[in-house]
Amino acid sequence: MTANDQTFIAQKIRAQYTTKESTELDALRKLDTKVKRPATVLAYGFGCIGALIMGSGMSLVMTDVGSQIGVSENSLPIGVILGTIGMIAMLLTYPIYKKILTKRKKKYRQDILALSEQIIKETI
C-alpha cells in the first residue's frame, strides 16, 4: 500500500467523524424530500395492498384454495371479484400519488422557490 493510498483511507475515515456544516442546499434537499416522501410511501403501500388482494383473487380462481379454507365449493366468482378489486386498487395508485404530490408541491412551493433562489443568487 502506497503512502497516497494510506492518506486517502485516513482522510475517508476522518471525514466520517467530523461534523458537517448544514448548508442551504442541505435544507433544500430536506424540504424536497419532505414534499415527495409521503406520496411515495402511500403509493408503495397502496400498490402492495392492491397486488396482494389481486393475488388472493387469482389464487382463488386458479387453485382449490377456496375449498380448503372453506370459502365455498365454487370460489371462481369470489376470486374474480377480489382480483378485480385488486386491479382497480393498483390502477388507482398512480393517480392518487400524483394528486398527493401536486397538493404537497403547492403547499411547499413558496419555501422551495425562495430557498432555491437564494442559493442561485449566492452562486452567481
N, C-alpha and C. Protein backbone atom coordinates (compact mmCIF):
# COMPACT_ATOMS: atom_id res chain seq x y z
N MET A 1 0.85 -1.17 0.00
CA MET A 1 0.00 0.00 0.00
C MET A 1 0.89 1.23 0.00
N THR A 2 0.62 2.14 -0.90
CA THR A 2 1.45 3.33 -1.02
C THR A 2 1.03 4.39 -0.01
N ALA A 3 1.84 5.40 0.09
CA ALA A 3 1.56 6.49 1.03
C ALA A 3 0.30 7.24 0.61
N ASN A 4 0.09 7.38 -0.69
CA ASN A 4 -1.12 8.06 -1.18
C ASN A 4 -2.37 7.28 -0.81
N ASP A 5 -2.31 5.96 -0.92
CA ASP A 5 -3.46 5.13 -0.54
C ASP A 5 -3.77 5.26 0.94
N GLN A 6 -2.72 5.26 1.75
CA GLN A 6 -2.92 5.38 3.19
C GLN A 6 -3.52 6.74 3.55
N THR A 7 -3.03 7.77 2.88
CA THR A 7 -3.56 9.12 3.12
C THR A 7 -5.03 9.19 2.72
N PHE A 8 -5.36 8.63 1.58
CA PHE A 8 -6.75 8.64 1.12
C PHE A 8 -7.66 7.91 2.10
N ILE A 9 -7.25 6.73 2.56
CA ILE A 9 -8.06 5.96 3.51
C ILE A 9 -8.21 6.70 4.82
N ALA A 10 -7.13 7.32 5.28
CA ALA A 10 -7.18 8.07 6.54
C ALA A 10 -8.14 9.25 6.43
N GLN A 11 -8.09 9.95 5.29
CA GLN A 11 -9.00 11.08 5.09
C GLN A 11 -10.45 10.63 4.98
N LYS A 12 -10.66 9.50 4.36
CA LYS A 12 -12.02 8.96 4.23
C LYS A 12 -12.60 8.59 5.60
N ILE A 13 -11.80 7.96 6.42
CA ILE A 13 -12.26 7.59 7.77
C ILE A 13 -12.45 8.85 8.61
N ARG A 14 -11.54 9.80 8.50
CA ARG A 14 -11.64 11.04 9.27
C ARG A 14 -12.92 11.81 8.92
N ALA A 15 -13.29 11.79 7.65
CA ALA A 15 -14.49 12.52 7.20
C ALA A 15 -15.76 11.96 7.84
N GLN A 16 -15.74 10.68 8.22
CA GLN A 16 -16.91 10.09 8.86
C GLN A 16 -17.11 10.61 10.27
N TYR A 17 -16.04 11.10 10.90
CA TYR A 17 -16.11 11.53 12.29
C TYR A 17 -16.14 13.03 12.48
N THR A 18 -16.00 13.77 11.40
CA THR A 18 -16.10 15.22 11.51
C THR A 18 -17.55 15.65 11.33
N THR A 19 -17.91 16.71 11.99
CA THR A 19 -19.28 17.21 11.86
C THR A 19 -19.36 18.06 10.60
N LYS A 20 -20.42 17.86 9.87
CA LYS A 20 -20.63 18.60 8.65
C LYS A 20 -21.50 19.81 8.93
N GLU A 21 -21.16 20.91 8.30
CA GLU A 21 -21.97 22.10 8.43
C GLU A 21 -23.22 21.96 7.57
N SER A 22 -24.32 22.36 8.12
CA SER A 22 -25.57 22.31 7.37
C SER A 22 -25.63 23.52 6.45
N THR A 23 -25.83 23.27 5.18
CA THR A 23 -25.88 24.35 4.21
C THR A 23 -27.32 24.55 3.74
N GLU A 24 -27.50 25.60 2.98
CA GLU A 24 -28.83 25.87 2.44
C GLU A 24 -29.23 24.80 1.43
N LEU A 25 -28.25 24.24 0.74
CA LEU A 25 -28.55 23.17 -0.20
C LEU A 25 -29.06 21.93 0.54
N ASP A 26 -28.49 21.65 1.70
CA ASP A 26 -28.99 20.54 2.52
C ASP A 26 -30.43 20.79 2.95
N ALA A 27 -30.72 22.04 3.32
CA ALA A 27 -32.08 22.39 3.72
C ALA A 27 -33.04 22.23 2.55
N LEU A 28 -32.60 22.60 1.34
CA LEU A 28 -33.43 22.45 0.15
C LEU A 28 -33.70 20.98 -0.15
N ARG A 29 -32.68 20.15 0.00
CA ARG A 29 -32.86 18.71 -0.22
C ARG A 29 -33.84 18.12 0.80
N LYS A 30 -33.72 18.53 2.05
CA LYS A 30 -34.64 18.04 3.09
C LYS A 30 -36.07 18.45 2.78
N LEU A 31 -36.23 19.67 2.34
CA LEU A 31 -37.57 20.17 2.01
C LEU A 31 -38.15 19.41 0.82
N ASP A 32 -37.31 19.13 -0.18
CA ASP A 32 -37.76 18.36 -1.33
C ASP A 32 -38.17 16.94 -0.91
N THR A 33 -37.40 16.34 -0.03
CA THR A 33 -37.74 15.01 0.48
C THR A 33 -39.03 15.06 1.28
N LYS A 34 -39.21 16.12 2.05
CA LYS A 34 -40.43 16.28 2.84
C LYS A 34 -41.67 16.37 1.95
N VAL A 35 -41.51 16.92 0.77
CA VAL A 35 -42.61 17.03 -0.17
C VAL A 35 -42.93 15.67 -0.80
N LYS A 36 -41.91 14.93 -1.21
CA LYS A 36 -42.11 13.72 -2.01
C LYS A 36 -42.35 12.45 -1.20
N ARG A 37 -41.77 12.34 -0.02
CA ARG A 37 -41.82 11.08 0.72
C ARG A 37 -43.23 10.59 1.06
N PRO A 38 -44.14 11.42 1.60
CA PRO A 38 -45.47 10.90 1.93
C PRO A 38 -46.21 10.32 0.73
N ALA A 39 -46.10 10.97 -0.42
CA ALA A 39 -46.77 10.46 -1.62
C ALA A 39 -46.16 9.13 -2.04
N THR A 40 -44.85 9.02 -1.97
CA THR A 40 -44.17 7.80 -2.37
C THR A 40 -44.52 6.64 -1.45
N VAL A 41 -44.49 6.89 -0.15
CA VAL A 41 -44.79 5.84 0.82
C VAL A 41 -46.23 5.35 0.65
N LEU A 42 -47.16 6.28 0.49
CA LEU A 42 -48.55 5.89 0.31
C LEU A 42 -48.74 5.11 -0.99
N ALA A 43 -48.06 5.52 -2.05
CA ALA A 43 -48.19 4.82 -3.34
C ALA A 43 -47.66 3.40 -3.23
N TYR A 44 -46.50 3.22 -2.61
CA TYR A 44 -45.96 1.87 -2.45
C TYR A 44 -46.88 1.00 -1.60
N GLY A 45 -47.36 1.55 -0.50
CA GLY A 45 -48.25 0.79 0.37
C GLY A 45 -49.55 0.42 -0.31
N PHE A 46 -50.17 1.39 -0.95
CA PHE A 46 -51.45 1.15 -1.63
C PHE A 46 -51.28 0.16 -2.78
N GLY A 47 -50.18 0.30 -3.53
CA GLY A 47 -49.92 -0.62 -4.63
C GLY A 47 -49.67 -2.04 -4.15
N CYS A 48 -48.94 -2.18 -3.05
CA CYS A 48 -48.67 -3.52 -2.50
C CYS A 48 -49.95 -4.17 -1.99
N ILE A 49 -50.77 -3.41 -1.32
CA ILE A 49 -52.04 -3.96 -0.82
C ILE A 49 -52.92 -4.38 -2.00
N GLY A 50 -52.97 -3.56 -3.05
CA GLY A 50 -53.73 -3.92 -4.25
C GLY A 50 -53.20 -5.19 -4.89
N ALA A 51 -51.87 -5.33 -4.95
CA ALA A 51 -51.27 -6.53 -5.54
C ALA A 51 -51.59 -7.77 -4.70
N LEU A 52 -51.57 -7.62 -3.39
CA LEU A 52 -51.91 -8.76 -2.53
C LEU A 52 -53.38 -9.17 -2.69
N ILE A 53 -54.27 -8.20 -2.79
CA ILE A 53 -55.69 -8.51 -2.98
C ILE A 53 -55.89 -9.19 -4.33
N MET A 54 -55.24 -8.67 -5.37
CA MET A 54 -55.37 -9.28 -6.69
C MET A 54 -54.79 -10.70 -6.68
N GLY A 55 -53.67 -10.88 -6.02
CA GLY A 55 -53.07 -12.21 -5.92
C GLY A 55 -53.95 -13.19 -5.18
N SER A 56 -54.63 -12.71 -4.16
CA SER A 56 -55.57 -13.58 -3.43
C SER A 56 -56.70 -14.02 -4.34
N GLY A 57 -57.22 -13.08 -5.12
CA GLY A 57 -58.28 -13.42 -6.06
C GLY A 57 -57.81 -14.40 -7.11
N MET A 58 -56.60 -14.21 -7.61
CA MET A 58 -56.06 -15.14 -8.60
C MET A 58 -55.88 -16.54 -8.00
N SER A 59 -55.47 -16.59 -6.74
CA SER A 59 -55.31 -17.90 -6.09
C SER A 59 -56.64 -18.62 -5.96
N LEU A 60 -57.68 -17.86 -5.65
CA LEU A 60 -59.00 -18.48 -5.54
C LEU A 60 -59.49 -18.98 -6.90
N VAL A 61 -59.15 -18.27 -7.97
CA VAL A 61 -59.60 -18.66 -9.30
C VAL A 61 -58.83 -19.87 -9.82
N MET A 62 -57.53 -19.87 -9.65
CA MET A 62 -56.70 -20.87 -10.31
C MET A 62 -56.43 -22.14 -9.50
N THR A 63 -56.71 -22.11 -8.22
CA THR A 63 -56.41 -23.29 -7.39
C THR A 63 -57.65 -23.71 -6.62
N ASP A 64 -57.48 -24.72 -5.82
CA ASP A 64 -58.59 -25.18 -4.98
C ASP A 64 -58.44 -24.68 -3.54
N VAL A 65 -57.76 -23.56 -3.37
CA VAL A 65 -57.56 -22.98 -2.04
C VAL A 65 -58.90 -22.62 -1.40
N GLY A 66 -59.84 -22.14 -2.19
CA GLY A 66 -61.15 -21.75 -1.66
C GLY A 66 -61.86 -22.88 -0.96
N SER A 67 -61.82 -24.07 -1.54
CA SER A 67 -62.49 -25.20 -0.90
C SER A 67 -61.73 -25.67 0.34
N GLN A 68 -60.41 -25.46 0.35
CA GLN A 68 -59.61 -25.88 1.50
C GLN A 68 -59.80 -24.95 2.70
N ILE A 69 -60.02 -23.67 2.44
CA ILE A 69 -60.21 -22.75 3.55
C ILE A 69 -61.68 -22.55 3.89
N GLY A 70 -62.54 -23.19 3.16
CA GLY A 70 -63.96 -23.17 3.49
C GLY A 70 -64.73 -22.01 2.93
N VAL A 71 -64.21 -21.34 1.88
CA VAL A 71 -64.94 -20.22 1.29
C VAL A 71 -66.20 -20.74 0.61
N SER A 72 -66.05 -21.60 -0.33
CA SER A 72 -67.18 -22.26 -0.98
C SER A 72 -66.61 -23.29 -1.94
N GLU A 73 -67.48 -24.12 -2.44
CA GLU A 73 -67.03 -25.13 -3.39
C GLU A 73 -66.61 -24.48 -4.72
N ASN A 74 -67.36 -23.47 -5.14
CA ASN A 74 -67.04 -22.76 -6.37
C ASN A 74 -66.53 -21.37 -6.00
N SER A 75 -65.23 -21.22 -5.87
CA SER A 75 -64.65 -19.95 -5.44
C SER A 75 -64.32 -19.03 -6.61
N LEU A 76 -64.69 -19.41 -7.82
CA LEU A 76 -64.41 -18.59 -9.00
C LEU A 76 -65.01 -17.19 -8.92
N PRO A 77 -66.30 -17.03 -8.60
CA PRO A 77 -66.86 -15.66 -8.56
C PRO A 77 -66.19 -14.78 -7.49
N ILE A 78 -65.92 -15.36 -6.35
CA ILE A 78 -65.26 -14.59 -5.28
C ILE A 78 -63.85 -14.19 -5.72
N GLY A 79 -63.15 -15.12 -6.37
CA GLY A 79 -61.80 -14.82 -6.85
C GLY A 79 -61.78 -13.75 -7.92
N VAL A 80 -62.75 -13.78 -8.82
CA VAL A 80 -62.82 -12.76 -9.87
C VAL A 80 -63.10 -11.40 -9.25
N ILE A 81 -64.00 -11.36 -8.29
CA ILE A 81 -64.32 -10.08 -7.63
C ILE A 81 -63.11 -9.54 -6.89
N LEU A 82 -62.42 -10.40 -6.12
CA LEU A 82 -61.22 -9.95 -5.40
C LEU A 82 -60.13 -9.50 -6.36
N GLY A 83 -59.93 -10.25 -7.42
CA GLY A 83 -58.92 -9.87 -8.40
C GLY A 83 -59.22 -8.54 -9.05
N THR A 84 -60.48 -8.30 -9.36
CA THR A 84 -60.88 -7.03 -9.96
C THR A 84 -60.67 -5.87 -8.99
N ILE A 85 -61.02 -6.09 -7.74
CA ILE A 85 -60.81 -5.04 -6.73
C ILE A 85 -59.32 -4.72 -6.60
N GLY A 86 -58.49 -5.75 -6.60
CA GLY A 86 -57.05 -5.54 -6.51
C GLY A 86 -56.50 -4.80 -7.72
N MET A 87 -56.99 -5.14 -8.91
CA MET A 87 -56.54 -4.44 -10.12
C MET A 87 -56.95 -2.98 -10.09
N ILE A 88 -58.16 -2.72 -9.65
CA ILE A 88 -58.62 -1.33 -9.57
C ILE A 88 -57.77 -0.55 -8.57
N ALA A 89 -57.45 -1.17 -7.44
CA ALA A 89 -56.59 -0.51 -6.45
C ALA A 89 -55.23 -0.20 -7.04
N MET A 90 -54.66 -1.13 -7.78
CA MET A 90 -53.35 -0.88 -8.39
C MET A 90 -53.43 0.19 -9.46
N LEU A 91 -54.51 0.22 -10.22
CA LEU A 91 -54.66 1.24 -11.25
C LEU A 91 -54.85 2.64 -10.66
N LEU A 92 -55.44 2.70 -9.48
CA LEU A 92 -55.65 4.00 -8.83
C LEU A 92 -54.42 4.51 -8.10
N THR A 93 -53.41 3.68 -7.95
CA THR A 93 -52.22 4.07 -7.19
C THR A 93 -51.54 5.30 -7.79
N TYR A 94 -51.28 5.30 -9.09
CA TYR A 94 -50.58 6.43 -9.70
C TYR A 94 -51.37 7.73 -9.65
N PRO A 95 -52.67 7.72 -9.97
CA PRO A 95 -53.41 8.99 -9.84
C PRO A 95 -53.43 9.52 -8.40
N ILE A 96 -53.53 8.62 -7.42
CA ILE A 96 -53.50 9.05 -6.02
C ILE A 96 -52.14 9.66 -5.70
N TYR A 97 -51.07 9.01 -6.16
CA TYR A 97 -49.72 9.52 -5.95
C TYR A 97 -49.57 10.92 -6.54
N LYS A 98 -50.01 11.10 -7.79
CA LYS A 98 -49.88 12.40 -8.44
C LYS A 98 -50.69 13.48 -7.72
N LYS A 99 -51.88 13.12 -7.25
CA LYS A 99 -52.73 14.09 -6.56
C LYS A 99 -52.08 14.55 -5.25
N ILE A 100 -51.57 13.61 -4.48
CA ILE A 100 -50.91 13.96 -3.21
C ILE A 100 -49.66 14.78 -3.47
N LEU A 101 -48.87 14.36 -4.47
CA LEU A 101 -47.64 15.08 -4.79
C LEU A 101 -47.94 16.51 -5.25
N THR A 102 -48.95 16.68 -6.07
CA THR A 102 -49.32 18.02 -6.55
C THR A 102 -49.78 18.89 -5.38
N LYS A 103 -50.56 18.32 -4.48
CA LYS A 103 -51.05 19.08 -3.33
C LYS A 103 -49.90 19.52 -2.43
N ARG A 104 -48.93 18.63 -2.20
CA ARG A 104 -47.79 18.96 -1.36
C ARG A 104 -46.85 19.94 -2.05
N LYS A 105 -46.73 19.85 -3.37
CA LYS A 105 -45.91 20.82 -4.09
C LYS A 105 -46.50 22.22 -3.98
N LYS A 106 -47.81 22.31 -4.07
CA LYS A 106 -48.45 23.61 -3.91
C LYS A 106 -48.22 24.17 -2.50
N LYS A 107 -48.29 23.29 -1.52
CA LYS A 107 -48.12 23.71 -0.13
C LYS A 107 -46.72 24.25 0.15
N TYR A 108 -45.69 23.61 -0.41
CA TYR A 108 -44.31 23.98 -0.11
C TYR A 108 -43.64 24.76 -1.23
N ARG A 109 -44.37 25.13 -2.26
CA ARG A 109 -43.81 25.81 -3.42
C ARG A 109 -43.06 27.08 -3.05
N GLN A 110 -43.66 27.95 -2.25
CA GLN A 110 -43.03 29.23 -1.92
C GLN A 110 -41.72 29.04 -1.16
N ASP A 111 -41.70 28.12 -0.22
CA ASP A 111 -40.48 27.88 0.55
C ASP A 111 -39.35 27.36 -0.34
N ILE A 112 -39.68 26.42 -1.20
CA ILE A 112 -38.67 25.83 -2.08
C ILE A 112 -38.16 26.86 -3.09
N LEU A 113 -39.05 27.63 -3.67
CA LEU A 113 -38.64 28.64 -4.63
C LEU A 113 -37.77 29.72 -3.98
N ALA A 114 -38.14 30.15 -2.78
CA ALA A 114 -37.36 31.17 -2.09
C ALA A 114 -35.96 30.65 -1.75
N LEU A 115 -35.89 29.45 -1.24
CA LEU A 115 -34.61 28.88 -0.85
C LEU A 115 -33.73 28.61 -2.07
N SER A 116 -34.32 28.10 -3.13
CA SER A 116 -33.53 27.83 -4.34
C SER A 116 -33.07 29.14 -4.98
N GLU A 117 -33.89 30.17 -4.95
CA GLU A 117 -33.50 31.48 -5.49
C GLU A 117 -32.33 32.05 -4.70
N GLN A 118 -32.36 31.88 -3.38
CA GLN A 118 -31.27 32.35 -2.53
C GLN A 118 -29.98 31.60 -2.86
N ILE A 119 -30.05 30.31 -3.06
CA ILE A 119 -28.86 29.52 -3.39
C ILE A 119 -28.31 29.94 -4.76
N ILE A 120 -29.19 30.15 -5.72
CA ILE A 120 -28.76 30.55 -7.06
C ILE A 120 -28.09 31.92 -7.03
N LYS A 121 -28.65 32.85 -6.26
CA LYS A 121 -28.03 34.19 -6.19
C LYS A 121 -26.67 34.15 -5.52
N GLU A 122 -26.49 33.28 -4.55
CA GLU A 122 -25.18 33.18 -3.87
C GLU A 122 -24.11 32.59 -4.77
N THR A 123 -24.51 31.72 -5.68
CA THR A 123 -23.52 31.08 -6.56
C THR A 123 -23.12 31.95 -7.74
N ILE A 124 -23.92 32.96 -8.03
CA ILE A 124 -23.60 33.85 -9.17
C ILE A 124 -22.62 34.91 -8.77
